[in-house]
Amino acid sequence: MSGLAYIKERAICSPLPRTAKSFAIFCHEVGHIAQGVIKPRWLEELRAEEFAKGCFGEFGFSMPKAVKDRMKYHISYKLAQALNRGMKHTPPELKSHRKYLAKVRCMNGKGETVGYVYRVDSRLIR
């Protein structure tokens, strides 16, 4: 289950908010529309997740652990993506998500290390 926001058109594609998970996705996409384009991209995603968390509180809904874990995974994934694309330092807003990443060695056909990439270790999120 996922969603998509078309910020310039102020439109979203989202599942109908019938469960906590679909409500979180719906609110996340609405958050993108409400806040517009934010650079860098990881910050835009973080703000959209914060907006979604705020919606749960605003409507008096409790957030199940599975939804919280999904949000942690999503932001950790965006952090890994930014690091893999050349971000040098983890921003203070994302420090708490760094612990969910694993540094994975990349090797060539000869077994030589050619670099490293970051991946989300979902076992650490639970």
PDB file of N, CA and C in Angstrom:
ATOM      1  N   MET A   1       0.855  -1.168   0.000  1.00  0.00           N
ATOM      2  CA  MET A   1       0.000   0.000   0.000  1.00  0.00           C
ATOM      3  C   MET A   1       0.900   1.229   0.000  1.00  0.00           C
ATOM      4  N   SER A   2       0.618   2.150  -0.919  1.00  0.00           N
ATOM      5  CA  SER A   2       1.421   3.367  -0.995  1.00  0.00           C
ATOM      6  C   SER A   2       0.586   4.493  -1.581  1.00  0.00           C
ATOM      7  N   GLY A   3       1.159   5.669  -1.570  1.00  0.00           N
ATOM      8  CA  GLY A   3       0.480   6.835  -2.108  1.00  0.00           C
ATOM      9  C   GLY A   3       1.441   7.674  -2.926  1.00  0.00           C
ATOM     10  N   LEU A   4       0.899   8.721  -3.512  1.00  0.00           N
ATOM     11  CA  LEU A   4       1.684   9.611  -4.355  1.00  0.00           C
ATOM     12  C   LEU A   4       1.062  10.998  -4.316  1.00  0.00           C
ATOM     13  N   ALA A   5       1.906  12.007  -4.178  1.00  0.00           N
ATOM     14  CA  ALA A   5       1.408  13.385  -4.176  1.00  0.00           C
ATOM     15  C   ALA A   5       1.912  14.110  -5.414  1.00  0.00           C
ATOM     16  N   TYR A   6       1.010  14.801  -6.071  1.00  0.00           N
ATOM     17  CA  TYR A   6       1.354  15.666  -7.198  1.00  0.00           C
ATOM     18  C   TYR A   6       1.273  17.089  -6.657  1.00  0.00           C
ATOM     19  N   ILE A   7       2.397  17.580  -6.186  1.00  0.00           N
ATOM     20  CA  ILE A   7       2.407  18.836  -5.433  1.00  0.00           C
ATOM     21  C   ILE A   7       1.960  20.014  -6.292  1.00  0.00           C
ATOM     22  N   LYS A   8       2.483  20.131  -7.504  1.00  0.00           N
ATOM     23  CA  LYS A   8       2.121  21.273  -8.357  1.00  0.00           C
ATOM     24  C   LYS A   8       0.641  21.259  -8.719  1.00  0.00           C
ATOM     25  N   GLU A   9       0.093  20.062  -8.927  1.00  0.00           N
ATOM     26  CA  GLU A   9      -1.324  19.942  -9.280  1.00  0.00           C
ATOM     27  C   GLU A   9      -2.221  19.933  -8.042  1.00  0.00           C
ATOM     28  N   ARG A  10      -1.593  19.834  -6.860  1.00  0.00           N
ATOM     29  CA  ARG A  10      -2.301  19.763  -5.583  1.00  0.00           C
ATOM     30  C   ARG A  10      -3.308  18.606  -5.578  1.00  0.00           C
ATOM     31  N   ALA A  11      -2.799  17.421  -5.953  1.00  0.00           N
ATOM     32  CA  ALA A  11      -3.624  16.218  -6.011  1.00  0.00           C
ATOM     33  C   ALA A  11      -2.843  15.046  -5.409  1.00  0.00           C
ATOM     34  N   ILE A  12      -3.569  14.075  -4.895  1.00  0.00           N
ATOM     35  CA  ILE A  12      -2.917  12.880  -4.361  1.00  0.00           C
ATOM     36  C   ILE A  12      -3.567  11.627  -4.904  1.00  0.00           C
ATOM     37  N   CYS A  13      -2.793  10.554  -4.936  1.00  0.00           N
ATOM     38  CA  CYS A  13      -3.296   9.200  -5.145  1.00  0.00           C
ATOM     39  C   CYS A  13      -3.007   8.485  -3.836  1.00  0.00           C
ATOM     40  N   SER A  14      -4.031   7.951  -3.222  1.00  0.00           N
ATOM     41  CA  SER A  14      -3.867   7.351  -1.907  1.00  0.00           C
ATOM     42  C   SER A  14      -4.966   6.331  -1.682  1.00  0.00           C
ATOM     43  N   PRO A  15      -4.663   5.314  -0.861  1.00  0.00           N
ATOM     44  CA  PRO A  15      -5.759   4.406  -0.492  1.00  0.00           C
ATOM     45  C   PRO A  15      -6.792   5.158   0.343  1.00  0.00           C
ATOM     46  N   LEU A  16      -8.026   4.717   0.284  1.00  0.00           N
ATOM     47  CA  LEU A  16      -9.054   5.308   1.143  1.00  0.00           C
ATOM     48  C   LEU A  16      -8.662   5.059   2.597  1.00  0.00           C
ATOM     49  N   PRO A  17      -8.774   6.055   3.452  1.00  0.00           N
ATOM     50  CA  PRO A  17      -8.326   5.899   4.849  1.00  0.00           C
ATOM     51  C   PRO A  17      -9.297   5.080   5.706  1.00  0.00           C
ATOM     52  N   ARG A  18      -9.230   3.764   5.557  1.00  0.00           N
ATOM     53  CA  ARG A  18     -10.131   2.870   6.292  1.00  0.00           C
ATOM     54  C   ARG A  18      -9.440   2.175   7.468  1.00  0.00           C
ATOM     55  N   THR A  19      -8.132   2.092   7.412  1.00  0.00           N
ATOM     56  CA  THR A  19      -7.358   1.468   8.490  1.00  0.00           C
ATOM     57  C   THR A  19      -6.322   2.476   8.970  1.00  0.00           C
ATOM     58  N   ALA A  20      -5.649   2.159  10.065  1.00  0.00           N
ATOM     59  CA  ALA A  20      -4.612   3.057  10.573  1.00  0.00           C
ATOM     60  C   ALA A  20      -3.507   3.248   9.537  1.00  0.00           C
ATOM     61  N   LYS A  21      -3.126   2.166   8.863  1.00  0.00           N
ATOM     62  CA  LYS A  21      -2.065   2.243   7.858  1.00  0.00           C
ATOM     63  C   LYS A  21      -2.489   3.123   6.678  1.00  0.00           C
ATOM     64  N   SER A  22      -3.692   2.900   6.164  1.00  0.00           N
ATOM     65  CA  SER A  22      -4.142   3.702   5.018  1.00  0.00           C
ATOM     66  C   SER A  22      -4.380   5.159   5.429  1.00  0.00           C
ATOM     67  N   PHE A  23      -4.807   5.380   6.676  1.00  0.00           N
ATOM     68  CA  PHE A  23      -4.971   6.746   7.177  1.00  0.00           C
ATOM     69  C   PHE A  23      -3.615   7.455   7.236  1.00  0.00           C
ATOM     70  N   ALA A  24      -2.583   6.741   7.696  1.00  0.00           N
ATOM     71  CA  ALA A  24      -1.237   7.320   7.768  1.00  0.00           C
ATOM     72  C   ALA A  24      -0.725   7.683   6.371  1.00  0.00           C
ATOM     73  N   ILE A  25      -0.956   6.812   5.411  1.00  0.00           N
ATOM     74  CA  ILE A  25      -0.517   7.077   4.035  1.00  0.00           C
ATOM     75  C   ILE A  25      -1.272   8.279   3.466  1.00  0.00           C
ATOM     76  N   PHE A  26      -2.580   8.289   3.663  1.00  0.00           N
ATOM     77  CA  PHE A  26      -3.407   9.397   3.190  1.00  0.00           C
ATOM     78  C   PHE A  26      -2.910  10.723   3.779  1.00  0.00           C
ATOM     79  N   CYS A  27      -2.693  10.756   5.088  1.00  0.00           N
ATOM     80  CA  CYS A  27      -2.244  11.989   5.752  1.00  0.00           C
ATOM     81  C   CYS A  27      -0.839  12.393   5.310  1.00  0.00           C
ATOM     82  N   HIS A  28       0.025  11.410   5.082  1.00  0.00           N
ATOM     83  CA  HIS A  28       1.368  11.696   4.587  1.00  0.00           C
ATOM     84  C   HIS A  28       1.292  12.426   3.244  1.00  0.00           C
ATOM     85  N   GLU A  29       0.463  11.932   2.356  1.00  0.00           N
ATOM     86  CA  GLU A  29       0.336  12.565   1.027  1.00  0.00           C
ATOM     87  C   GLU A  29      -0.306  13.940   1.138  1.00  0.00           C
ATOM     88  N   VAL A  30      -1.289  14.089   2.005  1.00  0.00           N
ATOM     89  CA  VAL A  30      -1.885  15.412   2.240  1.00  0.00           C
ATOM     90  C   VAL A  30      -0.818  16.357   2.788  1.00  0.00           C
ATOM     91  N   GLY A  31       0.069  15.840   3.637  1.00  0.00           N
ATOM     92  CA  GLY A  31       1.171  16.636   4.170  1.00  0.00           C
ATOM     93  C   GLY A  31       2.064  17.190   3.084  1.00  0.00           C
ATOM     94  N   HIS A  32       2.322  16.394   2.059  1.00  0.00           N
ATOM     95  CA  HIS A  32       3.114  16.888   0.923  1.00  0.00           C
ATOM     96  C   HIS A  32       2.418  18.079   0.258  1.00  0.00           C
ATOM     97  N   ILE A  33       1.119  17.963   0.050  1.00  0.00           N
ATOM     98  CA  ILE A  33       0.363  19.045  -0.596  1.00  0.00           C
ATOM     99  C   ILE A  33       0.346  20.281   0.306  1.00  0.00           C
ATOM    100  N   ALA A  34       0.106  20.073   1.586  1.00  0.00           N
ATOM    101  CA  ALA A  34       0.003  21.196   2.523  1.00  0.00           C
ATOM    102  C   ALA A  34       1.319  21.964   2.653  1.00  0.00           C
ATOM    103  N   GLN A  35       2.439  21.265   2.570  1.00  0.00           N
ATOM    104  CA  GLN A  35       3.737  21.900   2.806  1.00  0.00           C
ATOM    105  C   GLN A  35       4.482  22.273   1.542  1.00  0.00           C
ATOM    106  N   GLY A  36       4.084  21.722   0.418  1.00  0.00           N
ATOM    107  CA  GLY A  36       4.761  22.049  -0.839  1.00  0.00           C
ATOM    108  C   GLY A  36       6.117  21.386  -0.942  1.00  0.00           C
ATOM    109  N   VAL A  37       6.874  21.817  -1.936  1.00  0.00           N
ATOM    110  CA  VAL A  37       8.199  21.252  -2.177  1.00  0.00           C
ATOM    111  C   VAL A  37       9.172  21.786  -1.130  1.00  0.00           C
ATOM    112  N   ILE A  38       9.903  20.870  -0.507  1.00  0.00           N
ATOM    113  CA  ILE A  38      10.930  21.225   0.481  1.00  0.00           C
ATOM    114  C   ILE A  38      12.216  20.529   0.044  1.00  0.00           C
ATOM    115  N   LYS A  39      13.295  21.241   0.067  1.00  0.00           N
ATOM    116  CA  LYS A  39      14.600  20.659  -0.253  1.00  0.00           C
ATOM    117  C   LYS A  39      15.429  20.627   1.006  1.00  0.00           C
ATOM    118  N   PRO A  40      16.224  19.624   1.225  1.00  0.00           N
ATOM    119  CA  PRO A  40      16.397  18.402   0.450  1.00  0.00           C
ATOM    120  C   PRO A  40      15.206  17.446   0.599  1.00  0.00           C
ATOM    121  N   ARG A  41      15.198  16.453  -0.240  1.00  0.00           N
ATOM    122  CA  ARG A  41      14.056  15.541  -0.328  1.00  0.00           C
ATOM    123  C   ARG A  41      13.781  14.804   0.993  1.00  0.00           C
ATOM    124  N   TRP A  42      14.852  14.388   1.687  1.00  0.00           N
ATOM    125  CA  TRP A  42      14.638  13.679   2.952  1.00  0.00           C
ATOM    126  C   TRP A  42      13.872  14.541   3.937  1.00  0.00           C
ATOM    127  N   LEU A  43      14.092  15.867   3.908  1.00  0.00           N
ATOM    128  CA  LEU A  43      13.391  16.768   4.813  1.00  0.00           C
ATOM    129  C   LEU A  43      11.909  16.859   4.438  1.00  0.00           C
ATOM    130  N   GLU A  44      11.632  16.858   3.146  1.00  0.00           N
ATOM    131  CA  GLU A  44      10.230  16.860   2.694  1.00  0.00           C
ATOM    132  C   GLU A  44       9.503  15.614   3.198  1.00  0.00           C
ATOM    133  N   GLU A  45      10.164  14.469   3.106  1.00  0.00           N
ATOM    134  CA  GLU A  45       9.556  13.225   3.582  1.00  0.00           C
ATOM    135  C   GLU A  45       9.384  13.236   5.097  1.00  0.00           C
ATOM    136  N   LEU A  46      10.375  13.751   5.806  1.00  0.00           N
ATOM    137  CA  LEU A  46      10.279  13.832   7.264  1.00  0.00           C
ATOM    138  C   LEU A  46       9.112  14.722   7.678  1.00  0.00           C
ATOM    139  N   ARG A  47       8.959  15.860   7.036  1.00  0.00           N
ATOM    140  CA  ARG A  47       7.858  16.777   7.364  1.00  0.00           C
ATOM    141  C   ARG A  47       6.501  16.154   7.045  1.00  0.00           C
ATOM    142  N   ALA A  48       6.419  15.392   5.943  1.00  0.00           N
ATOM    143  CA  ALA A  48       5.155  14.723   5.597  1.00  0.00           C
ATOM    144  C   ALA A  48       4.808  13.662   6.643  1.00  0.00           C
ATOM    145  N   GLU A  49       5.816  12.943   7.149  1.00  0.00           N
ATOM    146  CA  GLU A  49       5.564  11.959   8.202  1.00  0.00           C
ATOM    147  C   GLU A  49       5.128  12.646   9.494  1.00  0.00           C
ATOM    148  N   GLU A  50       5.758  13.775   9.824  1.00  0.00           N
ATOM    149  CA  GLU A  50       5.365  14.529  11.017  1.00  0.00           C
ATOM    150  C   GLU A  50       3.925  15.034  10.892  1.00  0.00           C
ATOM    151  N   PHE A  51       3.552  15.448   9.688  1.00  0.00           N
ATOM    152  CA  PHE A  51       2.180  15.888   9.435  1.00  0.00           C
ATOM    153  C   PHE A  51       1.213  14.723   9.690  1.00  0.00           C
ATOM    154  N   ALA A  52       1.574  13.541   9.184  1.00  0.00           N
ATOM    155  CA  ALA A  52       0.715  12.360   9.367  1.00  0.00           C
ATOM    156  C   ALA A  52       0.578  12.015  10.851  1.00  0.00           C
ATOM    157  N   LYS A  53       1.678  12.071  11.595  1.00  0.00           N
ATOM    158  CA  LYS A  53       1.610  11.812  13.040  1.00  0.00           C
ATOM    159  C   LYS A  53       0.684  12.816  13.719  1.00  0.00           C
ATOM    160  N   GLY A  54       0.769  14.075  13.307  1.00  0.00           N
ATOM    161  CA  GLY A  54      -0.086  15.115  13.863  1.00  0.00           C
ATOM    162  C   GLY A  54      -1.555  14.865  13.590  1.00  0.00           C
ATOM    163  N   CYS A  55      -1.868  14.283  12.447  1.00  0.00           N
ATOM    164  CA  CYS A  55      -3.265  13.964  12.109  1.00  0.00           C
ATOM    165  C   CYS A  55      -3.840  12.940  13.074  1.00  0.00           C
ATOM    166  N   PHE A  56      -3.038  11.962  13.453  1.00  0.00           N
ATOM    167  CA  PHE A  56      -3.526  10.968  14.416  1.00  0.00           C
ATOM    168  C   PHE A  56      -3.929  11.661  15.711  1.00  0.00           C
ATOM    169  N   GLY A  57      -3.077  12.554  16.188  1.00  0.00           N
ATOM    170  CA  GLY A  57      -3.385  13.282  17.418  1.00  0.00           C
ATOM    171  C   GLY A  57      -4.565  14.215  17.258  1.00  0.00           C
ATOM    172  N   GLU A  58      -4.620  14.910  16.133  1.00  0.00           N
ATOM    173  CA  GLU A  58      -5.700  15.866  15.868  1.00  0.00           C
ATOM    174  C   GLU A  58      -7.072  15.206  15.886  1.00  0.00           C
ATOM    175  N   PHE A  59      -7.140  13.985  15.360  1.00  0.00           N
ATOM    176  CA  PHE A  59      -8.415  13.283  15.303  1.00  0.00           C
ATOM    177  C   PHE A  59      -8.626  12.347  16.486  1.00  0.00           C
ATOM    178  N   GLY A  60      -7.662  12.325  17.408  1.00  0.00           N
ATOM    179  CA  GLY A  60      -7.800  11.496  18.600  1.00  0.00           C
ATOM    180  C   GLY A  60      -7.636  10.011  18.338  1.00  0.00           C
ATOM    181  N   PHE A  61      -6.909   9.649  17.283  1.00  0.00           N
ATOM    182  CA  PHE A  61      -6.667   8.245  16.959  1.00  0.00           C
ATOM    183  C   PHE A  61      -5.362   7.787  17.594  1.00  0.00           C
ATOM    184  N   SER A  62      -5.334   6.552  18.035  1.00  0.00           N
ATOM    185  CA  SER A  62      -4.066   5.984  18.504  1.00  0.00           C
ATOM    186  C   SER A  62      -3.331   5.417  17.294  1.00  0.00           C
ATOM    187  N   MET A  63      -2.009   5.451  17.368  1.00  0.00           N
ATOM    188  CA  MET A  63      -1.200   4.955  16.261  1.00  0.00           C
ATOM    189  C   MET A  63      -0.643   3.579  16.626  1.00  0.00           C
ATOM    190  N   PRO A  64      -1.049   2.528  15.910  1.00  0.00           N
ATOM    191  CA  PRO A  64      -0.536   1.193  16.203  1.00  0.00           C
ATOM    192  C   PRO A  64       0.974   1.109  15.979  1.00  0.00           C
ATOM    193  N   LYS A  65       1.601   0.183  16.680  1.00  0.00           N
ATOM    194  CA  LYS A  65       3.050  -0.001  16.557  1.00  0.00           C
ATOM    195  C   LYS A  65       3.455  -0.284  15.117  1.00  0.00           C
ATOM    196  N   ALA A  66       2.662  -1.055  14.396  1.00  0.00           N
ATOM    197  CA  ALA A  66       2.993  -1.381  13.001  1.00  0.00           C
ATOM    198  C   ALA A  66       3.090  -0.119  12.145  1.00  0.00           C
ATOM    199  N   VAL A  67       2.228   0.854  12.396  1.00  0.00           N
ATOM    200  CA  VAL A  67       2.261   2.114  11.642  1.00  0.00           C
ATOM    201  C   VAL A  67       3.489   2.922  12.050  1.00  0.00           C
ATOM    202  N   LYS A  68       3.796   2.956  13.347  1.00  0.00           N
ATOM    203  CA  LYS A  68       5.003   3.657  13.805  1.00  0.00           C
ATOM    204  C   LYS A  68       6.250   3.033  13.183  1.00  0.00           C
ATOM    205  N   ASP A  69       6.304   1.705  13.141  1.00  0.00           N
ATOM    206  CA  ASP A  69       7.449   1.010  12.544  1.00  0.00           C
ATOM    207  C   ASP A  69       7.564   1.306  11.059  1.00  0.00           C
ATOM    208  N   ARG A  70       6.421   1.372  10.379  1.00  0.00           N
ATOM    209  CA  ARG A  70       6.435   1.692   8.951  1.00  0.00           C
ATOM    210  C   ARG A  70       6.996   3.092   8.719  1.00  0.00           C
ATOM    211  N   MET A  71       6.630   4.041   9.582  1.00  0.00           N
ATOM    212  CA  MET A  71       7.145   5.409   9.467  1.00  0.00           C
ATOM    213  C   MET A  71       8.649   5.448   9.725  1.00  0.00           C
ATOM    214  N   LYS A  72       9.107   4.699  10.734  1.00  0.00           N
ATOM    215  CA  LYS A  72      10.547   4.624  11.009  1.00  0.00           C
ATOM    216  C   LYS A  72      11.289   4.072   9.799  1.00  0.00           C
ATOM    217  N   TYR A  73      10.732   3.001   9.213  1.00  0.00           N
ATOM    218  CA  TYR A  73      11.358   2.380   8.047  1.00  0.00           C
ATOM    219  C   TYR A  73      11.440   3.383   6.897  1.00  0.00           C
ATOM    220  N   HIS A  74      10.349   4.092   6.650  1.00  0.00           N
ATOM    221  CA  HIS A  74      10.286   5.028   5.530  1.00  0.00           C
ATOM    222  C   HIS A  74      11.350   6.128   5.662  1.00  0.00           C
ATOM    223  N   ILE A  75      11.456   6.726   6.829  1.00  0.00           N
ATOM    224  CA  ILE A  75      12.431   7.799   7.024  1.00  0.00           C
ATOM    225  C   ILE A  75      13.847   7.236   7.012  1.00  0.00           C
ATOM    226  N   SER A  76      14.049   6.051   7.579  1.00  0.00           N
ATOM    227  CA  SER A  76      15.371   5.420   7.545  1.00  0.00           C
ATOM    228  C   SER A  76      15.776   5.116   6.111  1.00  0.00           C
ATOM    229  N   TYR A  77      14.827   4.694   5.294  1.00  0.00           N
ATOM    230  CA  TYR A  77      15.088   4.429   3.875  1.00  0.00           C
ATOM    231  C   TYR A  77      15.522   5.712   3.166  1.00  0.00           C
ATOM    232  N   LYS A  78      14.844   6.818   3.464  1.00  0.00           N
ATOM    233  CA  LYS A  78      15.207   8.096   2.846  1.00  0.00           C
ATOM    234  C   LYS A  78      16.590   8.555   3.295  1.00  0.00           C
ATOM    235  N   LEU A  79      16.948   8.268   4.551  1.00  0.00           N
ATOM    236  CA  LEU A  79      18.290   8.584   5.035  1.00  0.00           C
ATOM    237  C   LEU A  79      19.329   7.753   4.292  1.00  0.00           C
ATOM    238  N   ALA A  80      19.086   6.456   4.159  1.00  0.00           N
ATOM    239  CA  ALA A  80      20.014   5.586   3.428  1.00  0.00           C
ATOM    240  C   ALA A  80      20.165   6.066   1.985  1.00  0.00           C
ATOM    241  N   GLN A  81      19.068   6.443   1.378  1.00  0.00           N
ATOM    242  CA  GLN A  81      19.091   6.938   0.003  1.00  0.00           C
ATOM    243  C   GLN A  81      19.960   8.191  -0.110  1.00  0.00           C
ATOM    244  N   ALA A  82      19.801   9.122   0.828  1.00  0.00           N
ATOM    245  CA  ALA A  82      20.587  10.360   0.805  1.00  0.00           C
ATOM    246  C   ALA A  82      22.074  10.071   1.025  1.00  0.00           C
ATOM    247  N   LEU A  83      22.392   9.185   1.944  1.00  0.00           N
ATOM    248  CA  LEU A  83      23.790   8.824   2.191  1.00  0.00           C
ATOM    249  C   LEU A  83      24.401   8.150   0.961  1.00  0.00           C
ATOM    250  N   ASN A  84      23.639   7.271   0.331  1.00  0.00           N
ATOM    251  CA  ASN A  84      24.134   6.583  -0.861  1.00  0.00           C
ATOM    252  C   ASN A  84      24.315   7.532  -2.039  1.00  0.00           C
ATOM    253  N   ARG A  85      23.609   8.643  -2.016  1.00  0.00           N
ATOM    254  CA  ARG A  85      23.729   9.643  -3.091  1.00  0.00           C
ATOM    255  C   ARG A  85      24.750  10.724  -2.766  1.00  0.00           C
ATOM    256  N   GLY A  86      25.460  10.571  -1.648  1.00  0.00           N
ATOM    257  CA  GLY A  86      26.565  11.473  -1.378  1.00  0.00           C
ATOM    258  C   GLY A  86      26.439  12.399  -0.182  1.00  0.00           C
ATOM    259  N   MET A  87      25.357  12.324   0.575  1.00  0.00           N
ATOM    260  CA  MET A  87      25.257  13.159   1.763  1.00  0.00           C
ATOM    261  C   MET A  87      26.364  12.737   2.726  1.00  0.00           C
ATOM    262  N   LYS A  88      27.149  13.697   3.200  1.00  0.00           N
ATOM    263  CA  LYS A  88      28.326  13.388   4.009  1.00  0.00           C
ATOM    264  C   LYS A  88      28.026  13.161   5.487  1.00  0.00           C
ATOM    265  N   HIS A  89      27.103  13.927   6.045  1.00  0.00           N
ATOM    266  CA  HIS A  89      26.828  13.851   7.474  1.00  0.00           C
ATOM    267  C   HIS A  89      25.333  13.662   7.707  1.00  0.00           C
ATOM    268  N   THR A  90      25.009  12.924   8.744  1.00  0.00           N
ATOM    269  CA  THR A  90      23.608  12.726   9.104  1.00  0.00           C
ATOM    270  C   THR A  90      23.103  13.971   9.825  1.00  0.00           C
ATOM    271  N   PRO A  91      22.058  14.623   9.300  1.00  0.00           N
ATOM    272  CA  PRO A  91      21.502  15.810   9.953  1.00  0.00           C
ATOM    273  C   PRO A  91      20.927  15.454  11.334  1.00  0.00           C
ATOM    274  N   PRO A  92      20.918  16.416  12.244  1.00  0.00           N
ATOM    275  CA  PRO A  92      20.396  16.151  13.593  1.00  0.00           C
ATOM    276  C   PRO A  92      18.981  15.564  13.597  1.00  0.00           C
ATOM    277  N   GLU A  93      18.131  16.002  12.668  1.00  0.00           N
ATOM    278  CA  GLU A  93      16.747  15.507  12.613  1.00  0.00           C
ATOM    279  C   GLU A  93      16.674  14.005  12.338  1.00  0.00           C
ATOM    280  N   LEU A  94      17.730  13.452  11.730  1.00  0.00           N
ATOM    281  CA  LEU A  94      17.713  12.042  11.332  1.00  0.00           C
ATOM    282  C   LEU A  94      18.633  11.158  12.169  1.00  0.00           C
ATOM    283  N   LYS A  95      19.307  11.724  13.150  1.00  0.00           N
ATOM    284  CA  LYS A  95      20.264  10.947  13.967  1.00  0.00           C
ATOM    285  C   LYS A  95      19.611   9.709  14.579  1.00  0.00           C
ATOM    286  N   SER A  96      18.369   9.844  15.029  1.00  0.00           N
ATOM    287  CA  SER A  96      17.702   8.704  15.670  1.00  0.00           C
ATOM    288  C   SER A  96      17.421   7.572  14.673  1.00  0.00           C
ATOM    289  N   HIS A  97      17.444   7.851  13.381  1.00  0.00           N
ATOM    290  CA  HIS A  97      17.179   6.824  12.368  1.00  0.00           C
ATOM    291  C   HIS A  97      18.442   6.129  11.894  1.00  0.00           C
ATOM    292  N   ARG A  98      19.601   6.683  12.204  1.00  0.00           N
ATOM    293  CA  ARG A  98      20.869   6.112  11.758  1.00  0.00           C
ATOM    294  C   ARG A  98      21.060   4.700  12.322  1.00  0.00           C
ATOM    295  N   LYS A  99      20.535   4.459  13.518  1.00  0.00           N
ATOM    296  CA  LYS A  99      20.719   3.152  14.158  1.00  0.00           C
ATOM    297  C   LYS A  99      20.006   2.016  13.418  1.00  0.00           C
ATOM    298  N   TYR A 100      19.120   2.337  12.490  1.00  0.00           N
ATOM    299  CA  TYR A 100      18.404   1.317  11.732  1.00  0.00           C
ATOM    300  C   TYR A 100      19.108   0.945  10.427  1.00  0.00           C
ATOM    301  N   LEU A 101      20.252   1.568  10.167  1.00  0.00           N
ATOM    302  CA  LEU A 101      20.960   1.323   8.911  1.00  0.00           C
ATOM    303  C   LEU A 101      22.102   0.339   9.096  1.00  0.00           C
ATOM    304  N   ALA A 102      22.338  -0.422   8.069  1.00  0.00           N
ATOM    305  CA  ALA A 102      23.481  -1.327   8.024  1.00  0.00           C
ATOM    306  C   ALA A 102      24.346  -0.903   6.842  1.00  0.00           C
ATOM    307  N   LYS A 103      25.655  -0.855   7.061  1.00  0.00           N
ATOM    308  CA  LYS A 103      26.585  -0.538   5.988  1.00  0.00           C
ATOM    309  C   LYS A 103      26.948  -1.853   5.304  1.00  0.00           C
ATOM    310  N   VAL A 104      26.671  -1.941   4.022  1.00  0.00           N
ATOM    311  CA  VAL A 104      26.851  -3.186   3.276  1.00  0.00           C
ATOM    312  C   VAL A 104      28.007  -3.027   2.299  1.00  0.00           C
ATOM    313  N   ARG A 105      28.914  -3.984   2.325  1.00  0.00           N
ATOM    314  CA  ARG A 105      30.077  -3.940   1.437  1.00  0.00           C
ATOM    315  C   ARG A 105      29.689  -4.404   0.044  1.00  0.00           C
ATOM    316  N   CYS A 106      30.153  -3.684  -0.970  1.00  0.00           N
ATOM    317  CA  CYS A 106      29.934  -4.057  -2.366  1.00  0.00           C
ATOM    318  C   CYS A 106      31.245  -4.622  -2.912  1.00  0.00           C
ATOM    319  N   MET A 107      31.156  -5.766  -3.582  1.00  0.00           N
ATOM    320  CA  MET A 107      32.363  -6.404  -4.107  1.00  0.00           C
ATOM    321  C   MET A 107      32.224  -6.631  -5.608  1.00  0.00           C
ATOM    322  N   ASN A 108      33.368  -6.659  -6.277  1.00  0.00           N
ATOM    323  CA  ASN A 108      33.361  -6.969  -7.708  1.00  0.00           C
ATOM    324  C   ASN A 108      33.437  -8.487  -7.886  1.00  0.00           C
ATOM    325  N   GLY A 109      33.548  -8.937  -9.107  1.00  0.00           N
ATOM    326  CA  GLY A 109      33.579 -10.369  -9.401  1.00  0.00           C
ATOM    327  C   GLY A 109      34.792 -11.087  -8.847  1.00  0.00           C
ATOM    328  N   LYS A 110      35.832 -10.340  -8.491  1.00  0.00           N
ATOM    329  CA  LYS A 110      37.050 -10.935  -7.934  1.00  0.00           C
ATOM    330  C   LYS A 110      37.011 -10.998  -6.407  1.00  0.00           C
ATOM    331  N   GLY A 111      35.920 -10.543  -5.821  1.00  0.00           N
ATOM    332  CA  GLY A 111      35.820 -10.543  -4.369  1.00  0.00           C
ATOM    333  C   GLY A 111      36.474  -9.350  -3.699  1.00  0.00           C
ATOM    334  N   GLU A 112      36.820  -8.345  -4.481  1.00  0.00           N
ATOM    335  CA  GLU A 112      37.452  -7.143  -3.934  1.00  0.00           C
ATOM    336  C   GLU A 112      36.378  -6.120  -3.566  1.00  0.00           C
ATOM    337  N   THR A 113      36.610  -5.444  -2.458  1.00  0.00           N
ATOM    338  CA  THR A 113      35.670  -4.410  -2.028  1.00  0.00           C
ATOM    339  C   THR A 113      35.783  -3.209  -2.971  1.00  0.00           C
ATOM    340  N   VAL A 114      34.639  -2.778  -3.484  1.00  0.00           N
ATOM    341  CA  VAL A 114      34.621  -1.614  -4.381  1.00  0.00           C
ATOM    342  C   VAL A 114      33.886  -0.428  -3.769  1.00  0.00           C
ATOM    343  N   GLY A 115      33.293  -0.630  -2.623  1.00  0.00           N
ATOM    344  CA  GLY A 115      32.590   0.456  -1.959  1.00  0.00           C
ATOM    345  C   GLY A 115      31.581  -0.077  -0.957  1.00  0.00           C
ATOM    346  N   TYR A 116      30.811   0.832  -0.414  1.00  0.00           N
ATOM    347  CA  TYR A 116      29.802   0.485   0.574  1.00  0.00           C
ATOM    348  C   TYR A 116      28.501   1.217   0.247  1.00  0.00           C
ATOM    349  N   VAL A 117      27.399   0.622   0.619  1.00  0.00           N
ATOM    350  CA  VAL A 117      26.096   1.280   0.526  1.00  0.00           C
ATOM    351  C   VAL A 117      25.377   1.075   1.850  1.00  0.00           C
ATOM    352  N   TYR A 118      24.426   1.933   2.117  1.00  0.00           N
ATOM    353  CA  TYR A 118      23.606   1.811   3.315  1.00  0.00           C
ATOM    354  C   TYR A 118      22.266   1.198   2.955  1.00  0.00           C
ATOM    355  N   ARG A 119      21.813   0.301   3.802  1.00  0.00           N
ATOM    356  CA  ARG A 119      20.510  -0.337   3.649  1.00  0.00           C
ATOM    357  C   ARG A 119      19.800  -0.281   4.997  1.00  0.00           C
ATOM    358  N   VAL A 120      18.473  -0.282   4.958  1.00  0.00           N
ATOM    359  CA  VAL A 120      17.700  -0.335   6.195  1.00  0.00           C
ATOM    360  C   VAL A 120      17.673  -1.790   6.651  1.00  0.00           C
ATOM    361  N   ASP A 121      18.047  -2.016   7.892  1.00  0.00           N
ATOM    362  CA  ASP A 121      17.959  -3.342   8.486  1.00  0.00           C
ATOM    363  C   ASP A 121      16.640  -3.408   9.245  1.00  0.00           C
ATOM    364  N   SER A 122      15.627  -3.946   8.608  1.00  0.00           N
ATOM    365  CA  SER A 122      14.279  -3.932   9.190  1.00  0.00           C
ATOM    366  C   SER A 122      14.197  -4.735  10.487  1.00  0.00           C
ATOM    367  N   ARG A 123      15.156  -5.640  10.734  1.00  0.00           N
ATOM    368  CA  ARG A 123      15.158  -6.389  11.996  1.00  0.00           C
ATOM    369  C   ARG A 123      15.386  -5.453  13.184  1.00  0.00           C
ATOM    370  N   LEU A 124      16.049  -4.324  12.943  1.00  0.00           N
ATOM    371  CA  LEU A 124      16.352  -3.378  14.027  1.00  0.00           C
ATOM    372  C   LEU A 124      15.169  -2.470  14.378  1.00  0.00           C
ATOM    373  N   ILE A 125      14.200  -2.380  13.492  1.00  0.00           N
ATOM    374  CA  ILE A 125      13.077  -1.461  13.700  1.00  0.00           C
ATOM    375  C   ILE A 125      12.052  -2.053  14.667  1.00  0.00           C
ATOM    376  N   ARG A 126      11.891  -3.314  14.686  1.00  0.00           N
ATOM    377  CA  ARG A 126      10.849  -3.933  15.517  1.00  0.00           C
ATOM    378  C   ARG A 126      11.142  -3.867  16.965  1.00  0.00           C
TER     379      ARG A 126
END
